[in-house]
């Protein structure tokens, strides 16, 4: 599986082109599933989830001209026979994983069985993360981002990439998301960390990491 981990979605031409490059075909010829689950842990979560699915939010993913688009709601999956949704997942070109609370998303990825399935999806499939949907791929998110608390506690996530992410760098709507705050966050992380703004994405293909950006970002490396 390939990864395109974004802060704000498909927000510019460079990220759009990177998505089509790793899809290996135009978006208009590609199928996608959107996962809105992370939104439900936020205040006004149901409204935010609808905005994400309908494409009226500021985050560009669902409103792209996909050949087909479906909704994969993780909280529903434990009560459904896997034959009803796993084949659709396995045939999908892109998995769009939206923003919200990363630990709530991680919990339901594990509870639903999706976390176990991700490594086995075909190589051509693309995981497109937005904010929490990107952060959940890291080994951990850092205590600064802990809001919803899982039953086991902690801040660990799926670890399918070997770096952490600090999204929405210098976003005017999030005045605490400054580079100085990111530096303090990174100092407490055991893995390397990227601070990325909403015009930046991180592409991971065959373990090779590439930053795609029309904005600004910073890597906090570990010795």
Protein backbone atom coordinates (compact mmCIF):
# COMPACT_ATOMS: atom_id res chain seq x y z
CA UNK A 1 0.00 0.00 0.00
CA UNK A 2 1.11 3.55 -0.78
CA UNK A 3 0.57 6.54 1.49
CA UNK A 4 -0.22 10.19 0.85
CA UNK A 5 -0.39 11.79 4.28
CA UNK A 6 -1.73 15.34 4.26
CA UNK A 7 -2.55 18.05 6.75
CA UNK A 8 -5.42 19.67 4.86
CA UNK A 9 -6.32 17.30 2.02
CA UNK A 10 -5.69 17.69 -1.70
CA UNK A 11 -5.18 21.43 -1.45
CA UNK A 12 -2.96 22.31 -4.40
CA UNK A 13 -1.73 21.18 -7.80
CA UNK A 14 1.43 19.50 -6.49
CA UNK A 15 -0.48 17.27 -4.05
CA UNK A 16 -3.16 16.57 -6.68
CA UNK A 17 -0.49 15.49 -9.16
CA UNK A 18 1.23 13.33 -6.53
CA UNK A 19 -2.07 11.56 -5.84
CA UNK A 20 -2.63 10.75 -9.51
CA UNK A 21 0.99 9.66 -9.84
CA UNK A 22 0.75 7.08 -7.08
CA UNK A 23 -2.73 6.00 -8.20
CA UNK A 24 -1.20 5.32 -11.60
CA UNK A 25 -4.24 6.78 -13.33
CA UNK A 26 -6.51 9.84 -13.22
CA UNK A 27 -8.77 10.39 -10.22
CA UNK A 28 -11.72 10.25 -12.63
CA UNK A 29 -10.84 6.61 -13.34
CA UNK A 30 -10.31 5.66 -9.69
CA UNK A 31 -12.62 4.37 -6.96
CA UNK A 32 -12.48 5.62 -3.38
CA UNK A 33 -13.92 5.00 0.08
CA UNK A 34 -14.15 7.76 2.69
CA UNK A 35 -13.75 7.00 6.41
CA UNK A 36 -15.31 9.83 8.49
CA UNK A 37 -15.09 8.02 11.85
CA UNK A 38 -12.52 10.32 13.50
CA UNK A 39 -14.96 13.24 13.36
CA UNK A 40 -17.47 11.72 15.78
CA UNK A 41 -15.20 12.29 18.79
CA UNK A 42 -15.21 16.07 18.20
CA UNK A 43 -17.86 18.55 19.36
CA UNK A 44 -20.60 18.70 16.71
CA UNK A 45 -19.08 15.57 15.23
CA UNK A 46 -22.10 14.37 13.22
CA UNK A 47 -22.31 17.70 11.37
CA UNK A 48 -18.57 17.71 10.72
CA UNK A 49 -18.72 14.15 9.40
CA UNK A 50 -21.52 15.08 7.01
CA UNK A 51 -19.55 18.07 5.74
CA UNK A 52 -16.55 15.85 5.11
CA UNK A 53 -18.55 13.21 3.26
CA UNK A 54 -20.58 15.71 1.22
CA UNK A 55 -17.52 17.70 0.17
CA UNK A 56 -18.69 21.03 1.59
CA UNK A 57 -15.88 21.22 4.15
CA UNK A 58 -12.65 23.12 3.54
CA UNK A 59 -10.78 19.83 3.23
CA UNK A 60 -10.56 18.68 -0.37
CA UNK A 61 -10.98 14.92 -0.75
CA UNK A 62 -14.54 13.79 -1.44
CA UNK A 63 -15.29 16.57 -3.91
CA UNK A 64 -12.61 15.34 -6.29
CA UNK A 65 -14.07 13.72 -9.40
CA UNK A 66 -13.78 10.07 -8.35
CA UNK A 67 -15.18 7.40 -10.63
CA UNK A 68 -17.02 6.05 -7.59
CA UNK A 69 -17.13 7.03 -3.92
CA UNK A 70 -18.46 5.11 -0.94
CA UNK A 71 -18.52 5.50 2.85
CA UNK A 72 -16.78 3.03 5.15
CA UNK A 73 -17.98 3.68 8.71
CA UNK A 74 -15.68 1.87 11.11
CA UNK A 75 -18.03 1.88 14.11
CA UNK A 76 -20.52 -0.19 12.10
CA UNK A 77 -18.10 -2.85 10.89
CA UNK A 78 -17.86 -5.08 14.02
CA UNK A 79 -21.59 -5.85 13.67
CA UNK A 80 -21.39 -6.66 9.94
CA UNK A 81 -20.22 -9.84 8.25
CA UNK A 82 -16.82 -9.19 6.67
CA UNK A 83 -18.07 -10.54 3.37
CA UNK A 84 -20.24 -7.41 3.14
CA UNK A 85 -17.35 -4.92 3.13
CA UNK A 86 -13.91 -6.52 2.83
CA UNK A 87 -14.20 -7.29 -0.94
CA UNK A 88 -15.16 -3.66 -1.59
CA UNK A 89 -12.17 -2.48 0.44
CA UNK A 90 -9.84 -4.82 -1.42
CA UNK A 91 -11.04 -3.54 -4.81
CA UNK A 92 -10.83 0.15 -3.92
CA UNK A 93 -8.11 2.33 -5.44
CA UNK A 94 -8.00 4.94 -2.67
CA UNK A 95 -8.91 4.92 1.00
CA UNK A 96 -9.67 8.49 2.13
CA UNK A 97 -9.28 8.78 5.90
CA UNK A 98 -10.56 12.04 7.29
CA UNK A 99 -9.68 14.26 10.19
CA UNK A 100 -10.93 14.42 13.75
CA UNK A 101 -9.50 12.63 16.78
CA UNK A 102 -6.54 10.35 15.94
CA UNK A 103 -6.82 8.09 18.99
CA UNK A 104 -10.56 7.55 18.48
CA UNK A 105 -9.81 6.71 14.86
CA UNK A 106 -7.03 4.34 15.89
CA UNK A 107 -9.31 2.59 18.37
CA UNK A 108 -11.96 1.92 15.73
CA UNK A 109 -9.43 0.92 13.11
CA UNK A 110 -8.37 -1.82 15.48
CA UNK A 111 -11.87 -2.75 16.69
CA UNK A 112 -13.21 -2.97 13.14
CA UNK A 113 -10.35 -5.13 11.89
CA UNK A 114 -9.26 -2.53 9.34
CA UNK A 115 -5.86 -2.06 11.00
CA UNK A 116 -5.06 -5.74 10.46
CA UNK A 117 -6.18 -5.59 6.83
CA UNK A 118 -4.25 -2.50 5.73
CA UNK A 119 -0.85 -4.20 5.28
CA UNK A 120 -2.44 -6.90 3.10
CA UNK A 121 -4.16 -4.55 0.64
CA UNK A 122 -2.85 -4.65 -2.89
CA UNK A 123 0.28 -2.67 -3.63
CA UNK A 124 -1.53 -0.30 -6.02
CA UNK A 125 -3.98 0.89 -3.35
CA UNK A 126 -3.41 4.37 -1.93
CA UNK A 127 -4.08 5.48 1.63
CA UNK A 128 -4.88 9.21 1.67
CA UNK A 129 -4.86 10.68 5.16
CA UNK A 130 -6.09 14.08 6.28
CA UNK A 131 -4.89 15.42 9.65
CA UNK A 132 -5.92 12.69 12.16
CA UNK A 133 -6.18 10.29 9.23
CA UNK A 134 -2.47 10.90 8.62
CA UNK A 135 -1.38 11.01 12.26
CA UNK A 136 -2.85 7.57 12.99
CA UNK A 137 -0.25 5.97 10.71
CA UNK A 138 2.59 7.08 13.02
CA UNK A 139 3.97 5.05 15.96
CA UNK A 140 2.47 7.66 18.33
CA UNK A 141 0.95 11.14 18.22
CA UNK A 142 2.44 12.80 21.31
CA UNK A 143 0.69 13.85 24.51
CA UNK A 144 -0.09 17.30 23.04
CA UNK A 145 -2.65 15.69 20.73
CA UNK A 146 -4.38 13.42 23.24
CA UNK A 147 -8.05 14.40 23.60
CA UNK A 148 -10.22 11.26 23.50
CA UNK A 149 -8.51 8.64 25.65
CA UNK A 150 -8.51 4.97 24.67
CA UNK A 151 -9.34 2.32 27.30
CA UNK A 152 -5.68 1.28 27.46
CA UNK A 153 -4.44 4.87 27.76
CA UNK A 154 -1.31 6.19 26.10
CA UNK A 155 -0.80 7.90 22.75
CA UNK A 156 0.32 4.99 20.57
CA UNK A 157 -1.08 4.59 17.06
CA UNK A 158 -0.65 2.10 14.23
CA UNK A 159 3.02 2.57 13.33
CA UNK A 160 2.68 1.82 9.62
CA UNK A 161 5.15 4.64 8.96
CA UNK A 162 8.20 5.33 11.13
CA UNK A 163 7.68 9.05 11.71
CA UNK A 164 5.14 11.25 13.49
CA UNK A 165 3.23 14.28 12.20
CA UNK A 166 2.31 17.70 13.56
CA UNK A 167 -0.39 18.96 11.15
CA UNK A 168 -1.91 22.39 10.43
CA UNK A 169 1.34 24.26 11.03
CA UNK A 170 0.67 28.02 11.27
CA UNK A 171 -3.03 27.62 10.49
CA UNK A 172 -4.72 30.93 11.46
CA UNK A 173 -7.68 29.01 12.94
CA UNK A 174 -5.29 27.11 15.25
CA UNK A 175 -3.10 29.80 16.87
CA UNK A 176 -1.25 27.26 19.04
CA UNK A 177 0.03 25.35 16.02
CA UNK A 178 3.23 27.35 15.68
CA UNK A 179 6.72 26.15 14.83
CA UNK A 180 7.77 26.79 18.43
CA UNK A 181 4.98 24.49 19.65
CA UNK A 182 5.99 21.89 17.07
CA UNK A 183 9.59 22.00 18.29
CA UNK A 184 8.45 21.30 21.87
CA UNK A 185 6.24 18.46 20.60
CA UNK A 186 9.10 16.93 18.62
CA UNK A 187 11.46 17.06 21.60
CA UNK A 188 9.19 14.65 23.47
CA UNK A 189 8.76 12.19 20.59
CA UNK A 190 10.81 9.02 20.22
CA UNK A 191 10.47 8.97 16.41
CA UNK A 192 11.37 11.64 13.85
CA UNK A 193 8.57 14.14 13.30
CA UNK A 194 7.34 16.32 10.48
CA UNK A 195 5.58 19.61 11.11
CA UNK A 196 3.52 20.29 7.98
CA UNK A 197 1.13 23.02 6.92
CA UNK A 198 -2.09 22.55 4.94
CA UNK A 199 -0.25 22.95 1.62
CA UNK A 200 2.05 20.01 2.38
CA UNK A 201 1.80 16.22 2.08
CA UNK A 202 4.15 13.32 2.77
CA UNK A 203 4.30 10.57 0.15
CA UNK A 204 5.53 7.12 1.19
CA UNK A 205 6.05 4.46 -1.48
CA UNK A 206 8.05 1.29 -0.77
CA UNK A 207 9.38 2.91 2.39
CA UNK A 208 10.75 5.95 0.52
CA UNK A 209 9.55 9.22 2.05
CA UNK A 210 9.08 12.35 -0.08
CA UNK A 211 7.65 15.69 0.99
CA UNK A 212 5.28 17.34 -1.50
CA UNK A 213 4.75 21.00 -0.66
CA UNK A 214 3.65 24.38 -1.92
CA UNK A 215 3.80 25.68 1.64
CA UNK A 216 6.20 25.12 4.51
CA UNK A 217 7.28 22.24 6.68
CA UNK A 218 10.11 21.07 8.91
CA UNK A 219 11.62 17.70 9.73
CA UNK A 220 12.70 17.10 13.31
CA UNK A 221 15.22 14.29 12.92
CA UNK A 222 16.44 11.93 15.63
CA UNK A 223 20.07 10.89 15.98
